[in-house]
Amino acid sequence: MADCLFCKIAAGQIPSTKVYEDDLVYAFRDIAPQAPTHILVIPKAHIGSVAEVTPENSHLVARVFEAIAQIAQAEGLTQGYRVVSNCGADAGQSVHHLHFHILGGRQLTLEMA
């Protein structure tokens, strides 16, 4: 998608601090971290949100979760971490490209806003 921020990041058109990349997945550090480790993991192909996951593209989500496990291990998140995906405006999704936040590096609260 031509005007998608995360598509541009994955394509290298906008700079980011890359953490992981393979042929289908790209991961980078969040520019406004909410925890000591805050990484965004995206499929390179544009999917708008969790609501747009289908049988045809669900293999990309599986690949994202395989990458999340590798990234968490590489980041030393041995005491645990949280994986979050916001879906839609009411949930706080600000970039409409499927993405998962890896949050860790400290004890996280269970508070849900």
C-alpha atoms as a PDB file:
ATOM      1  CA  MET A   1       0.000   0.000   0.000  1.00  0.00           C
ATOM      2  CA  ALA A   2       1.627   3.203  -1.213  1.00  0.00           C
ATOM      3  CA  ASP A   3       0.743   5.491   1.693  1.00  0.00           C
ATOM      4  CA  CYS A   4       1.199   3.002   4.562  1.00  0.00           C
ATOM      5  CA  LEU A   5       3.867   4.039   7.084  1.00  0.00           C
ATOM      6  CA  PHE A   6       4.815   0.457   7.988  1.00  0.00           C
ATOM      7  CA  CYS A   7       4.947  -0.641   4.338  1.00  0.00           C
ATOM      8  CA  LYS A   8       7.415   2.204   3.760  1.00  0.00           C
ATOM      9  CA  ILE A   9       9.476   1.187   6.801  1.00  0.00           C
ATOM     10  CA  ALA A  10       9.600  -2.453   5.663  1.00  0.00           C
ATOM     11  CA  ALA A  11      10.653  -1.314   2.174  1.00  0.00           C
ATOM     12  CA  GLY A  12      13.488   0.799   3.619  1.00  0.00           C
ATOM     13  CA  GLN A  13      11.935   4.078   2.450  1.00  0.00           C
ATOM     14  CA  ILE A  14      11.668   5.359   6.034  1.00  0.00           C
ATOM     15  CA  PRO A  15      14.516   4.718   8.480  1.00  0.00           C
ATOM     16  CA  SER A  16      14.022   2.446  11.469  1.00  0.00           C
ATOM     17  CA  THR A  17      16.142   0.580  13.958  1.00  0.00           C
ATOM     18  CA  LYS A  18      15.906  -2.925  12.531  1.00  0.00           C
ATOM     19  CA  VAL A  19      15.908  -5.826  14.971  1.00  0.00           C
ATOM     20  CA  TYR A  20      14.965  -8.676  12.620  1.00  0.00           C
ATOM     21  CA  GLU A  21      14.209  -9.248   8.970  1.00  0.00           C
ATOM     22  CA  ASP A  22      13.470 -12.193   6.719  1.00  0.00           C
ATOM     23  CA  ASP A  23      11.648 -12.505   3.417  1.00  0.00           C
ATOM     24  CA  LEU A  24       8.170 -12.087   5.014  1.00  0.00           C
ATOM     25  CA  VAL A  25       8.688 -10.302   8.351  1.00  0.00           C
ATOM     26  CA  TYR A  26      10.290  -7.069   9.535  1.00  0.00           C
ATOM     27  CA  ALA A  27      10.834  -5.993  13.164  1.00  0.00           C
ATOM     28  CA  PHE A  28      12.049  -2.669  14.503  1.00  0.00           C
ATOM     29  CA  ARG A  29      12.296  -0.707  17.745  1.00  0.00           C
ATOM     30  CA  ASP A  30       9.339   1.498  18.650  1.00  0.00           C
ATOM     31  CA  ILE A  31      10.190   5.220  18.522  1.00  0.00           C
ATOM     32  CA  ALA A  32       8.123   5.863  21.680  1.00  0.00           C
ATOM     33  CA  PRO A  33       8.881   2.799  23.846  1.00  0.00           C
ATOM     34  CA  GLN A  34       6.459   1.864  26.603  1.00  0.00           C
ATOM     35  CA  ALA A  35       8.891  -0.620  28.189  1.00  0.00           C
ATOM     36  CA  PRO A  36      12.676  -1.107  28.178  1.00  0.00           C
ATOM     37  CA  THR A  37      12.183  -3.493  25.245  1.00  0.00           C
ATOM     38  CA  HIS A  38       9.489  -2.358  22.817  1.00  0.00           C
ATOM     39  CA  ILE A  39       9.690  -3.847  19.348  1.00  0.00           C
ATOM     40  CA  LEU A  40       7.141  -3.804  16.533  1.00  0.00           C
ATOM     41  CA  VAL A  41       6.867  -6.907  14.360  1.00  0.00           C
ATOM     42  CA  ILE A  42       5.051  -6.693  11.019  1.00  0.00           C
ATOM     43  CA  PRO A  43       4.392  -8.833   7.989  1.00  0.00           C
ATOM     44  CA  LYS A  44       5.994  -7.163   4.972  1.00  0.00           C
ATOM     45  CA  ALA A  45       2.790  -7.716   2.999  1.00  0.00           C
ATOM     46  CA  HIS A  46       0.081  -5.210   3.863  1.00  0.00           C
ATOM     47  CA  ILE A  47      -2.686  -6.554   6.092  1.00  0.00           C
ATOM     48  CA  GLY A  48      -4.736  -3.809   7.742  1.00  0.00           C
ATOM     49  CA  SER A  49      -5.301  -5.438  11.135  1.00  0.00           C
ATOM     50  CA  VAL A  50      -6.197  -8.683  12.865  1.00  0.00           C
ATOM     51  CA  ALA A  51      -9.678  -8.218  11.383  1.00  0.00           C
ATOM     52  CA  GLU A  52      -8.190  -8.771   7.906  1.00  0.00           C
ATOM     53  CA  VAL A  53      -6.473 -12.100   8.639  1.00  0.00           C
ATOM     54  CA  THR A  54      -7.801 -14.765   6.263  1.00  0.00           C
ATOM     55  CA  PRO A  55      -6.983 -18.367   5.361  1.00  0.00           C
ATOM     56  CA  GLU A  56      -4.992 -16.949   2.431  1.00  0.00           C
ATOM     57  CA  ASN A  57      -2.719 -14.728   4.561  1.00  0.00           C
ATOM     58  CA  SER A  58      -2.686 -16.464   7.956  1.00  0.00           C
ATOM     59  CA  HIS A  59       0.659 -18.101   7.142  1.00  0.00           C
ATOM     60  CA  LEU A  60       2.152 -14.600   7.459  1.00  0.00           C
ATOM     61  CA  VAL A  61       0.815 -14.291  11.002  1.00  0.00           C
ATOM     62  CA  ALA A  62       2.318 -17.674  11.874  1.00  0.00           C
ATOM     63  CA  ARG A  63       5.653 -16.481  10.497  1.00  0.00           C
ATOM     64  CA  VAL A  64       5.382 -13.271  12.563  1.00  0.00           C
ATOM     65  CA  PHE A  65       4.911 -15.335  15.733  1.00  0.00           C
ATOM     66  CA  GLU A  66       7.891 -17.534  14.864  1.00  0.00           C
ATOM     67  CA  ALA A  67       9.926 -14.328  14.535  1.00  0.00           C
ATOM     68  CA  ILE A  68       8.553 -12.992  17.834  1.00  0.00           C
ATOM     69  CA  ALA A  69       9.870 -16.059  19.662  1.00  0.00           C
ATOM     70  CA  GLN A  70      13.309 -15.645  18.062  1.00  0.00           C
ATOM     71  CA  ILE A  71      13.416 -11.909  18.804  1.00  0.00           C
ATOM     72  CA  ALA A  72      12.391 -12.354  22.442  1.00  0.00           C
ATOM     73  CA  GLN A  73      15.137 -14.924  22.937  1.00  0.00           C
ATOM     74  CA  ALA A  74      17.728 -12.712  21.221  1.00  0.00           C
ATOM     75  CA  GLU A  75      16.646  -9.747  23.379  1.00  0.00           C
ATOM     76  CA  GLY A  76      17.098 -11.806  26.550  1.00  0.00           C
ATOM     77  CA  LEU A  77      13.463 -11.626  27.640  1.00  0.00           C
ATOM     78  CA  THR A  78      13.843 -14.750  29.771  1.00  0.00           C
ATOM     79  CA  GLN A  79      11.513 -13.555  32.546  1.00  0.00           C
ATOM     80  CA  GLY A  80       8.627 -13.015  30.139  1.00  0.00           C
ATOM     81  CA  TYR A  81       7.196 -10.518  27.708  1.00  0.00           C
ATOM     82  CA  ARG A  82       3.870  -9.333  26.360  1.00  0.00           C
ATOM     83  CA  VAL A  83       2.665  -9.461  22.741  1.00  0.00           C
ATOM     84  CA  VAL A  84      -0.087  -6.971  21.856  1.00  0.00           C
ATOM     85  CA  SER A  85      -1.976  -6.121  18.685  1.00  0.00           C
ATOM     86  CA  ASN A  86      -4.533  -3.314  18.652  1.00  0.00           C
ATOM     87  CA  CYS A  87      -7.398  -3.756  16.203  1.00  0.00           C
ATOM     88  CA  GLY A  88      -9.310  -0.661  15.167  1.00  0.00           C
ATOM     89  CA  ALA A  89      -9.614   2.897  16.409  1.00  0.00           C
ATOM     90  CA  ASP A  90     -11.389   2.035  19.676  1.00  0.00           C
ATOM     91  CA  ALA A  91      -8.480  -0.239  20.605  1.00  0.00           C
ATOM     92  CA  GLY A  92      -5.911   2.453  19.825  1.00  0.00           C
ATOM     93  CA  GLN A  93      -4.637   1.196  16.460  1.00  0.00           C
ATOM     94  CA  SER A  94      -2.929   4.237  14.958  1.00  0.00           C
ATOM     95  CA  VAL A  95      -1.181   2.597  11.978  1.00  0.00           C
ATOM     96  CA  HIS A  96      -3.478   0.432   9.899  1.00  0.00           C
ATOM     97  CA  HIS A  97      -0.956  -2.274   9.067  1.00  0.00           C
ATOM     98  CA  LEU A  98      -1.062  -5.446  11.151  1.00  0.00           C
ATOM     99  CA  HIS A  99       1.622  -5.208  13.804  1.00  0.00           C
ATOM    100  CA  PHE A 100       2.486  -6.816  17.094  1.00  0.00           C
ATOM    101  CA  HIS A 101       4.209  -5.063  19.972  1.00  0.00           C
ATOM    102  CA  ILE A 102       6.764  -7.041  21.972  1.00  0.00           C
ATOM    103  CA  LEU A 103       6.977  -5.442  25.422  1.00  0.00           C
ATOM    104  CA  GLY A 104       9.408  -6.594  28.074  1.00  0.00           C
ATOM    105  CA  GLY A 105      12.466  -5.889  30.105  1.00  0.00           C
ATOM    106  CA  ARG A 106      10.550  -5.128  33.298  1.00  0.00           C
ATOM    107  CA  GLN A 107       7.590  -6.517  35.208  1.00  0.00           C
ATOM    108  CA  LEU A 108       4.447  -5.446  33.382  1.00  0.00           C
ATOM    109  CA  THR A 109       1.172  -4.657  35.142  1.00  0.00           C
ATOM    110  CA  LEU A 110      -2.115  -6.331  34.255  1.00  0.00           C
ATOM    111  CA  GLU A 111      -3.895  -2.984  34.035  1.00  0.00           C
ATOM    112  CA  MET A 112      -6.057  -2.741  30.927  1.00  0.00           C
ATOM    113  CA  ALA A 113      -6.954   0.810  29.897  1.00  0.00           C
END
